[in-house]
PDB file of all heavy atoms in Angstrom:
ATOM      1  N   PHE A   1       9.462  -4.597  33.081  1.00  0.00           N
ATOM      2  CA  PHE A   1       9.120  -5.419  34.248  1.00  0.00           C
ATOM      3  C   PHE A   1      10.354  -6.209  34.675  1.00  0.00           C
ATOM      4  O   PHE A   1      10.662  -7.270  34.142  1.00  0.00           O
ATOM      5  CB  PHE A   1       7.965  -6.347  33.905  1.00  0.00           C
ATOM      6  CG  PHE A   1       7.298  -6.978  35.098  1.00  0.00           C
ATOM      7  CD1 PHE A   1       7.141  -6.278  36.280  1.00  0.00           C
ATOM      8  CD2 PHE A   1       6.818  -8.275  35.042  1.00  0.00           C
ATOM      9  CE1 PHE A   1       6.527  -6.844  37.374  1.00  0.00           C
ATOM     10  CE2 PHE A   1       6.195  -8.860  36.128  1.00  0.00           C
ATOM     11  CZ  PHE A   1       6.049  -8.139  37.303  1.00  0.00           C
ATOM     12  N   THR A   2      11.075  -5.658  35.647  1.00  0.00           N
ATOM     13  CA  THR A   2      12.291  -6.294  36.130  1.00  0.00           C
ATOM     14  C   THR A   2      11.984  -7.132  37.375  1.00  0.00           C
ATOM     15  O   THR A   2      10.869  -7.097  37.915  1.00  0.00           O
ATOM     16  CB  THR A   2      13.344  -5.233  36.463  1.00  0.00           C
ATOM     17  OG1 THR A   2      12.837  -4.399  37.525  1.00  0.00           O
ATOM     18  CG2 THR A   2      13.644  -4.368  35.241  1.00  0.00           C
ATOM     19  N   PHE A   3      13.004  -7.859  37.835  1.00  0.00           N
ATOM     20  CA  PHE A   3      12.812  -8.681  39.029  1.00  0.00           C
ATOM     21  C   PHE A   3      12.605  -7.826  40.277  1.00  0.00           C
ATOM     22  O   PHE A   3      11.919  -8.248  41.213  1.00  0.00           O
ATOM     23  CB  PHE A   3      14.021  -9.612  39.214  1.00  0.00           C
ATOM     24  CG  PHE A   3      14.003 -10.800  38.302  1.00  0.00           C
ATOM     25  CD1 PHE A   3      14.759 -10.817  37.145  1.00  0.00           C
ATOM     26  CD2 PHE A   3      13.217 -11.904  38.589  1.00  0.00           C
ATOM     27  CE1 PHE A   3      14.739 -11.910  36.299  1.00  0.00           C
ATOM     28  CE2 PHE A   3      13.179 -13.005  37.745  1.00  0.00           C
ATOM     29  CZ  PHE A   3      13.946 -13.010  36.593  1.00  0.00           C
ATOM     30  N   VAL A   4      13.175  -6.618  40.290  1.00  0.00           N
ATOM     31  CA  VAL A   4      12.928  -5.714  41.415  1.00  0.00           C
ATOM     32  C   VAL A   4      11.460  -5.295  41.425  1.00  0.00           C
ATOM     33  O   VAL A   4      10.806  -5.292  42.480  1.00  0.00           O
ATOM     34  CB  VAL A   4      13.858  -4.491  41.317  1.00  0.00           C
ATOM     35  CG1 VAL A   4      13.506  -3.477  42.406  1.00  0.00           C
ATOM     36  CG2 VAL A   4      15.312  -4.911  41.442  1.00  0.00           C
ATOM     37  N   ARG A   5      10.940  -4.948  40.244  1.00  0.00           N
ATOM     38  CA  ARG A   5       9.524  -4.574  40.161  1.00  0.00           C
ATOM     39  C   ARG A   5       8.624  -5.775  40.448  1.00  0.00           C
ATOM     40  O   ARG A   5       7.492  -5.597  40.915  1.00  0.00           O
ATOM     41  CB  ARG A   5       9.226  -3.984  38.786  1.00  0.00           C
ATOM     42  CG  ARG A   5       9.856  -2.612  38.564  1.00  0.00           C
ATOM     43  CD  ARG A   5       9.345  -1.958  37.300  1.00  0.00           C
ATOM     44  NE  ARG A   5       9.806  -0.579  37.193  1.00  0.00           N
ATOM     45  CZ  ARG A   5      10.906  -0.202  36.559  1.00  0.00           C
ATOM     46  NH1 ARG A   5      11.651  -1.116  35.941  1.00  0.00           N
ATOM     47  NH2 ARG A   5      11.259   1.068  36.511  1.00  0.00           N
ATOM     48  N   LEU A   6       9.098  -6.965  40.158  1.00  0.00           N
ATOM     49  CA  LEU A   6       8.319  -8.160  40.494  1.00  0.00           C
ATOM     50  C   LEU A   6       8.132  -8.277  42.004  1.00  0.00           C
ATOM     51  O   LEU A   6       7.048  -8.643  42.475  1.00  0.00           O
ATOM     52  CB  LEU A   6       9.011  -9.409  39.947  1.00  0.00           C
ATOM     53  CG  LEU A   6       8.344 -10.755  40.274  1.00  0.00           C
ATOM     54  CD1 LEU A   6       6.934 -10.819  39.688  1.00  0.00           C
ATOM     55  CD2 LEU A   6       9.188 -11.920  39.760  1.00  0.00           C
ATOM     56  N   GLU A   7       9.164  -7.944  42.778  1.00  0.00           N
ATOM     57  CA  GLU A   7       9.037  -7.988  44.234  1.00  0.00           C
ATOM     58  C   GLU A   7       8.072  -6.914  44.739  1.00  0.00           C
ATOM     59  O   GLU A   7       7.297  -7.146  45.671  1.00  0.00           O
ATOM     60  CB  GLU A   7      10.410  -7.810  44.882  1.00  0.00           C
ATOM     61  CG  GLU A   7      11.371  -8.951  44.613  1.00  0.00           C
ATOM     62  CD  GLU A   7      10.802 -10.294  45.022  1.00  0.00           C
ATOM     63  OE1 GLU A   7      10.307 -10.404  46.166  1.00  0.00           O
ATOM     64  OE2 GLU A   7      10.840 -11.228  44.204  1.00  0.00           O
ATOM     65  N   VAL A   8       8.114  -5.732  44.096  1.00  0.00           N
ATOM     66  CA  VAL A   8       7.151  -4.688  44.465  1.00  0.00           C
ATOM     67  C   VAL A   8       5.732  -5.146  44.138  1.00  0.00           C
ATOM     68  O   VAL A   8       4.789  -4.918  44.916  1.00  0.00           O
ATOM     69  CB  VAL A   8       7.489  -3.374  43.731  1.00  0.00           C
ATOM     70  CG1 VAL A   8       6.432  -2.312  44.036  1.00  0.00           C
ATOM     71  CG2 VAL A   8       8.858  -2.873  44.121  1.00  0.00           C
ATOM     72  N   PHE A   9       5.590  -5.812  42.986  1.00  0.00           N
ATOM     73  CA  PHE A   9       4.269  -6.325  42.602  1.00  0.00           C
ATOM     74  C   PHE A   9       3.776  -7.361  43.610  1.00  0.00           C
ATOM     75  O   PHE A   9       2.580  -7.399  43.945  1.00  0.00           O
ATOM     76  CB  PHE A   9       4.351  -6.938  41.205  1.00  0.00           C
ATOM     77  CG  PHE A   9       3.069  -7.549  40.728  1.00  0.00           C
ATOM     78  CD1 PHE A   9       1.984  -6.758  40.377  1.00  0.00           C
ATOM     79  CD2 PHE A   9       2.925  -8.930  40.649  1.00  0.00           C
ATOM     80  CE1 PHE A   9       0.799  -7.319  39.947  1.00  0.00           C
ATOM     81  CE2 PHE A   9       1.745  -9.501  40.222  1.00  0.00           C
ATOM     82  CZ  PHE A   9       0.675  -8.696  39.870  1.00  0.00           C
ATOM     83  N   LYS A  10       4.679  -8.186  44.119  1.00  0.00           N
ATOM     84  CA  LYS A  10       4.285  -9.167  45.141  1.00  0.00           C
ATOM     85  C   LYS A  10       3.817  -8.465  46.411  1.00  0.00           C
ATOM     86  O   LYS A  10       2.855  -8.907  47.058  1.00  0.00           O
ATOM     87  CB  LYS A  10       5.462 -10.090  45.460  1.00  0.00           C
ATOM     88  CG  LYS A  10       5.839 -11.062  44.358  1.00  0.00           C
ATOM     89  CD  LYS A  10       7.027 -11.898  44.788  1.00  0.00           C
ATOM     90  CE  LYS A  10       7.495 -12.835  43.695  1.00  0.00           C
ATOM     91  NZ  LYS A  10       8.686 -13.610  44.094  1.00  0.00           N
ATOM     92  N   MET A  11       4.495  -7.376  46.771  1.00  0.00           N
ATOM     93  CA  MET A  11       4.067  -6.626  47.954  1.00  0.00           C
ATOM     94  C   MET A  11       2.680  -6.031  47.758  1.00  0.00           C
ATOM     95  O   MET A  11       1.844  -6.060  48.673  1.00  0.00           O
ATOM     96  CB  MET A  11       5.090  -5.533  48.262  1.00  0.00           C
ATOM     97  CG  MET A  11       6.475  -6.047  48.645  1.00  0.00           C
ATOM     98  SD  MET A  11       7.692  -4.725  48.846  1.00  0.00           S
ATOM     99  CE  MET A  11       7.026  -3.877  50.270  1.00  0.00           C
ATOM    100  N   LEU A  12       2.441  -5.494  46.551  1.00  0.00           N
ATOM    101  CA  LEU A  12       1.100  -4.982  46.252  1.00  0.00           C
ATOM    102  C   LEU A  12       0.079  -6.111  46.237  1.00  0.00           C
ATOM    103  O   LEU A  12      -1.065  -5.942  46.665  1.00  0.00           O
ATOM    104  CB  LEU A  12       1.097  -4.261  44.902  1.00  0.00           C
ATOM    105  CG  LEU A  12       1.802  -2.908  44.851  1.00  0.00           C
ATOM    106  CD1 LEU A  12       1.875  -2.411  43.414  1.00  0.00           C
ATOM    107  CD2 LEU A  12       1.087  -1.896  45.721  1.00  0.00           C
ATOM    108  N   LEU A  13       0.492  -7.264  45.743  1.00  0.00           N
ATOM    109  CA  LEU A  13      -0.411  -8.414  45.680  1.00  0.00           C
ATOM    110  C   LEU A  13      -0.833  -8.862  47.073  1.00  0.00           C
ATOM    111  O   LEU A  13      -1.951  -9.343  47.274  1.00  0.00           O
ATOM    112  CB  LEU A  13       0.281  -9.563  44.944  1.00  0.00           C
ATOM    113  CG  LEU A  13      -0.594 -10.686  44.380  1.00  0.00           C
ATOM    114  CD1 LEU A  13      -1.521 -10.143  43.313  1.00  0.00           C
ATOM    115  CD2 LEU A  13       0.273 -11.801  43.818  1.00  0.00           C
ATOM    116  N   GLY A  14       0.050  -8.697  48.029  1.00  0.00           N
ATOM    117  CA  GLY A  14      -0.272  -9.127  49.386  1.00  0.00           C
ATOM    118  C   GLY A  14      -0.954  -8.081  50.229  1.00  0.00           C
ATOM    119  O   GLY A  14      -1.503  -8.405  51.288  1.00  0.00           O
ATOM    120  N   SER A  15      -0.933  -6.799  49.802  1.00  0.00           N
ATOM    121  CA  SER A  15      -1.523  -5.738  50.623  1.00  0.00           C
ATOM    122  C   SER A  15      -2.671  -5.022  49.922  1.00  0.00           C
ATOM    123  O   SER A  15      -3.728  -4.797  50.520  1.00  0.00           O
ATOM    124  CB  SER A  15      -0.445  -4.712  50.991  1.00  0.00           C
ATOM    125  OG  SER A  15       0.134  -4.147  49.824  1.00  0.00           O
ATOM    126  N   PHE A  16      -2.482  -4.674  48.663  1.00  0.00           N
ATOM    127  CA  PHE A  16      -3.485  -3.881  47.965  1.00  0.00           C
ATOM    128  C   PHE A  16      -4.628  -4.730  47.422  1.00  0.00           C
ATOM    129  O   PHE A  16      -5.804  -4.385  47.596  1.00  0.00           O
ATOM    130  CB  PHE A  16      -2.831  -3.097  46.822  1.00  0.00           C
ATOM    131  CG  PHE A  16      -3.815  -2.428  45.907  1.00  0.00           C
ATOM    132  CD1 PHE A  16      -4.553  -1.339  46.335  1.00  0.00           C
ATOM    133  CD2 PHE A  16      -4.023  -2.895  44.623  1.00  0.00           C
ATOM    134  CE1 PHE A  16      -5.460  -0.720  45.497  1.00  0.00           C
ATOM    135  CE2 PHE A  16      -4.925  -2.282  43.777  1.00  0.00           C
ATOM    136  CZ  PHE A  16      -5.647  -1.195  44.217  1.00  0.00           C
ATOM    137  N   PHE A  17      -4.321  -5.838  46.773  1.00  0.00           N
ATOM    138  CA  PHE A  17      -5.356  -6.583  46.067  1.00  0.00           C
ATOM    139  C   PHE A  17      -6.384  -7.234  46.997  1.00  0.00           C
ATOM    140  O   PHE A  17      -7.575  -7.229  46.672  1.00  0.00           O
ATOM    141  CB  PHE A  17      -4.712  -7.623  45.144  1.00  0.00           C
ATOM    142  CG  PHE A  17      -3.991  -7.013  43.986  1.00  0.00           C
ATOM    143  CD1 PHE A  17      -2.609  -6.944  43.954  1.00  0.00           C
ATOM    144  CD2 PHE A  17      -4.695  -6.461  42.922  1.00  0.00           C
ATOM    145  CE1 PHE A  17      -1.936  -6.366  42.896  1.00  0.00           C
ATOM    146  CE2 PHE A  17      -4.040  -5.879  41.857  1.00  0.00           C
ATOM    147  CZ  PHE A  17      -2.661  -5.827  41.837  1.00  0.00           C
ATOM    148  N   PRO A  18      -6.020  -7.778  48.150  1.00  0.00           N
ATOM    149  CA  PRO A  18      -7.088  -8.257  49.063  1.00  0.00           C
ATOM    150  C   PRO A  18      -8.025  -7.138  49.492  1.00  0.00           C
ATOM    151  O   PRO A  18      -9.249  -7.320  49.553  1.00  0.00           O
ATOM    152  CB  PRO A  18      -6.301  -8.836  50.246  1.00  0.00           C
ATOM    153  CG  PRO A  18      -4.963  -9.164  49.700  1.00  0.00           C
ATOM    154  CD  PRO A  18      -4.687  -8.119  48.666  1.00  0.00           C
ATOM    155  N   LEU A  19      -7.428  -5.973  49.779  1.00  0.00           N
ATOM    156  CA  LEU A  19      -8.258  -4.833  50.173  1.00  0.00           C
ATOM    157  C   LEU A  19      -9.121  -4.372  49.006  1.00  0.00           C
ATOM    158  O   LEU A  19     -10.295  -4.019  49.179  1.00  0.00           O
ATOM    159  CB  LEU A  19      -7.343  -3.702  50.647  1.00  0.00           C
ATOM    160  CG  LEU A  19      -7.970  -2.596  51.497  1.00  0.00           C
ATOM    161  CD1 LEU A  19      -8.578  -3.161  52.757  1.00  0.00           C
ATOM    162  CD2 LEU A  19      -6.915  -1.557  51.841  1.00  0.00           C
ATOM    163  N   ALA A  20      -8.540  -4.373  47.798  1.00  0.00           N
ATOM    164  CA  ALA A  20      -9.297  -3.947  46.618  1.00  0.00           C
ATOM    165  C   ALA A  20     -10.465  -4.885  46.343  1.00  0.00           C
ATOM    166  O   ALA A  20     -11.561  -4.442  45.966  1.00  0.00           O
ATOM    167  CB  ALA A  20      -8.371  -3.879  45.402  1.00  0.00           C
ATOM    168  N   LEU A  21     -10.259  -6.183  46.528  1.00  0.00           N
ATOM    169  CA  LEU A  21     -11.347  -7.143  46.308  1.00  0.00           C
ATOM    170  C   LEU A  21     -12.483  -6.904  47.292  1.00  0.00           C
ATOM    171  O   LEU A  21     -13.667  -6.955  46.922  1.00  0.00           O
ATOM    172  CB  LEU A  21     -10.822  -8.571  46.441  1.00  0.00           C
ATOM    173  CG  LEU A  21      -9.954  -9.087  45.292  1.00  0.00           C
ATOM    174  CD1 LEU A  21      -9.415 -10.486  45.619  1.00  0.00           C
ATOM    175  CD2 LEU A  21     -10.746  -9.123  43.992  1.00  0.00           C
ATOM    176  N   MET A  22     -12.137  -6.630  48.552  1.00  0.00           N
ATOM    177  CA  MET A  22     -13.187  -6.361  49.538  1.00  0.00           C
ATOM    178  C   MET A  22     -13.930  -5.072  49.196  1.00  0.00           C
ATOM    179  O   MET A  22     -15.163  -5.010  49.286  1.00  0.00           O
ATOM    180  CB  MET A  22     -12.567  -6.261  50.928  1.00  0.00           C
ATOM    181  CG  MET A  22     -13.603  -6.180  52.042  1.00  0.00           C
ATOM    182  SD  MET A  22     -12.900  -5.785  53.645  1.00  0.00           S
ATOM    183  CE  MET A  22     -12.519  -4.057  53.432  1.00  0.00           C
ATOM    184  N   ILE A  23     -13.189  -4.034  48.773  1.00  0.00           N
ATOM    185  CA  ILE A  23     -13.824  -2.768  48.408  1.00  0.00           C
ATOM    186  C   ILE A  23     -14.747  -2.955  47.216  1.00  0.00           C
ATOM    187  O   ILE A  23     -15.879  -2.453  47.185  1.00  0.00           O
ATOM    188  CB  ILE A  23     -12.748  -1.714  48.118  1.00  0.00           C
ATOM    189  CG1 ILE A  23     -11.993  -1.361  49.399  1.00  0.00           C
ATOM    190  CG2 ILE A  23     -13.373  -0.455  47.513  1.00  0.00           C
ATOM    191  CD1 ILE A  23     -10.750  -0.522  49.157  1.00  0.00           C
ATOM    192  N   LEU A  24     -14.271  -3.694  46.196  1.00  0.00           N
ATOM    193  CA  LEU A  24     -15.098  -3.936  45.015  1.00  0.00           C
ATOM    194  C   LEU A  24     -16.345  -4.736  45.377  1.00  0.00           C
ATOM    195  O   LEU A  24     -17.430  -4.499  44.841  1.00  0.00           O
ATOM    196  CB  LEU A  24     -14.286  -4.662  43.947  1.00  0.00           C
ATOM    197  CG  LEU A  24     -13.201  -3.832  43.246  1.00  0.00           C
ATOM    198  CD1 LEU A  24     -12.405  -4.712  42.292  1.00  0.00           C
ATOM    199  CD2 LEU A  24     -13.823  -2.667  42.497  1.00  0.00           C
ATOM    200  N   ALA A  25     -16.190  -5.707  46.280  1.00  0.00           N
ATOM    201  CA  ALA A  25     -17.344  -6.513  46.679  1.00  0.00           C
ATOM    202  C   ALA A  25     -18.389  -5.652  47.387  1.00  0.00           C
ATOM    203  O   ALA A  25     -19.596  -5.799  47.154  1.00  0.00           O
ATOM    204  CB  ALA A  25     -16.897  -7.662  47.583  1.00  0.00           C
ATOM    205  N   VAL A  26     -17.930  -4.728  48.236  1.00  0.00           N
ATOM    206  CA  VAL A  26     -18.866  -3.886  48.994  1.00  0.00           C
ATOM    207  C   VAL A  26     -19.502  -2.832  48.092  1.00  0.00           C
ATOM    208  O   VAL A  26     -20.733  -2.754  47.964  1.00  0.00           O
ATOM    209  CB  VAL A  26     -18.132  -3.228  50.183  1.00  0.00           C
ATOM    210  CG1 VAL A  26     -19.040  -2.216  50.870  1.00  0.00           C
ATOM    211  CG2 VAL A  26     -17.689  -4.277  51.179  1.00  0.00           C
ATOM    212  N   LEU A  27     -18.665  -2.021  47.449  1.00  0.00           N
ATOM    213  CA  LEU A  27     -19.203  -0.933  46.629  1.00  0.00           C
ATOM    214  C   LEU A  27     -19.892  -1.456  45.379  1.00  0.00           C
ATOM    215  O   LEU A  27     -20.912  -0.908  44.944  1.00  0.00           O
ATOM    216  CB  LEU A  27     -18.082   0.026  46.247  1.00  0.00           C
ATOM    217  CG  LEU A  27     -17.425   0.779  47.396  1.00  0.00           C
ATOM    218  CD1 LEU A  27     -16.408   1.772  46.876  1.00  0.00           C
ATOM    219  CD2 LEU A  27     -18.468   1.492  48.241  1.00  0.00           C
ATOM    220  N   GLY A  28     -19.336  -2.514  44.771  1.00  0.00           N
ATOM    221  CA  GLY A  28     -19.968  -3.062  43.574  1.00  0.00           C
ATOM    222  C   GLY A  28     -21.353  -3.607  43.847  1.00  0.00           C
ATOM    223  O   GLY A  28     -22.290  -3.393  43.065  1.00  0.00           O
ATOM    224  N   SER A  29     -21.499  -4.302  44.977  1.00  0.00           N
ATOM    225  CA  SER A  29     -22.821  -4.843  45.307  1.00  0.00           C
ATOM    226  C   SER A  29     -23.828  -3.743  45.585  1.00  0.00           C
ATOM    227  O   SER A  29     -25.020  -3.894  45.323  1.00  0.00           O
ATOM    228  CB  SER A  29     -22.704  -5.770  46.525  1.00  0.00           C
ATOM    229  OG  SER A  29     -22.187  -5.064  47.646  1.00  0.00           O
ATOM    230  N   ILE A  30     -23.362  -2.571  46.085  1.00  0.00           N
ATOM    231  CA  ILE A  30     -24.270  -1.449  46.336  1.00  0.00           C
ATOM    232  C   ILE A  30     -24.629  -0.748  45.037  1.00  0.00           C
ATOM    233  O   ILE A  30     -25.802  -0.550  44.705  1.00  0.00           O
ATOM    234  CB  ILE A  30     -23.630  -0.448  47.325  1.00  0.00           C
ATOM    235  CG1 ILE A  30     -23.462  -1.074  48.706  1.00  0.00           C
ATOM    236  CG2 ILE A  30     -24.484   0.808  47.443  1.00  0.00           C
ATOM    237  CD1 ILE A  30     -22.727  -0.182  49.684  1.00  0.00           C
ATOM    238  N   VAL A  31     -23.595  -0.362  44.271  1.00  0.00           N
ATOM    239  CA  VAL A  31     -23.808   0.460  43.084  1.00  0.00           C
ATOM    240  C   VAL A  31     -24.597  -0.278  42.017  1.00  0.00           C
ATOM    241  O   VAL A  31     -25.472   0.294  41.350  1.00  0.00           O
ATOM    242  CB  VAL A  31     -22.448   0.949  42.540  1.00  0.00           C
ATOM    243  CG1 VAL A  31     -22.624   1.637  41.192  1.00  0.00           C
ATOM    244  CG2 VAL A  31     -21.797   1.913  43.525  1.00  0.00           C
ATOM    245  N   PHE A  32     -24.327  -1.572  41.838  1.00  0.00           N
ATOM    246  CA  PHE A  32     -24.998  -2.322  40.788  1.00  0.00           C
ATOM    247  C   PHE A  32     -26.297  -2.980  41.261  1.00  0.00           C
ATOM    248  O   PHE A  32     -26.900  -3.756  40.532  1.00  0.00           O
ATOM    249  CB  PHE A  32     -24.064  -3.389  40.222  1.00  0.00           C
ATOM    250  CG  PHE A  32     -22.929  -2.814  39.434  1.00  0.00           C
ATOM    251  CD1 PHE A  32     -21.657  -2.724  39.981  1.00  0.00           C
ATOM    252  CD2 PHE A  32     -23.132  -2.313  38.158  1.00  0.00           C
ATOM    253  CE1 PHE A  32     -20.606  -2.177  39.273  1.00  0.00           C
ATOM    254  CE2 PHE A  32     -22.087  -1.758  37.440  1.00  0.00           C
ATOM    255  CZ  PHE A  32     -20.820  -1.692  37.998  1.00  0.00           C
ATOM    256  N   GLY A  33     -26.715  -2.675  42.484  1.00  0.00           N
ATOM    257  CA  GLY A  33     -28.024  -3.103  42.940  1.00  0.00           C
ATOM    258  C   GLY A  33     -28.111  -4.540  43.406  1.00  0.00           C
ATOM    259  O   GLY A  33     -29.213  -5.071  43.566  1.00  0.00           O
ATOM    260  N   PHE A  34     -26.979  -5.191  43.654  1.00  0.00           N
ATOM    261  CA  PHE A  34     -27.022  -6.563  44.139  1.00  0.00           C
ATOM    262  C   PHE A  34     -27.377  -6.638  45.620  1.00  0.00           C
ATOM    263  O   PHE A  34     -27.836  -7.675  46.096  1.00  0.00           O
ATOM    264  CB  PHE A  34     -25.680  -7.263  43.895  1.00  0.00           C
ATOM    265  CG  PHE A  34     -25.305  -7.354  42.446  1.00  0.00           C
ATOM    266  CD1 PHE A  34     -24.074  -6.926  42.010  1.00  0.00           C
ATOM    267  CD2 PHE A  34     -26.199  -7.849  41.506  1.00  0.00           C
ATOM    268  CE1 PHE A  34     -23.719  -6.992  40.675  1.00  0.00           C
ATOM    269  CE2 PHE A  34     -25.866  -7.918  40.173  1.00  0.00           C
ATOM    270  CZ  PHE A  34     -24.625  -7.492  39.753  1.00  0.00           C
ATOM    271  N   ALA A  35     -27.126  -5.569  46.354  1.00  0.00           N
ATOM    272  CA  ALA A  35     -27.388  -5.571  47.794  1.00  0.00           C
ATOM    273  C   ALA A  35     -27.685  -4.148  48.237  1.00  0.00           C
ATOM    274  O   ALA A  35     -27.267  -3.171  47.598  1.00  0.00           O
ATOM    275  CB  ALA A  35     -26.188  -6.135  48.562  1.00  0.00           C
TER     276      ALA A  35
END
């Protein structure tokens, strides 16, 4: 885990993880019977 990879991780943190949280909230609530 270098400082270059840390910057890539920040980019993923700003683009992938918000989208992943929304996807998990939608699909998780369906699959596990919450909604």
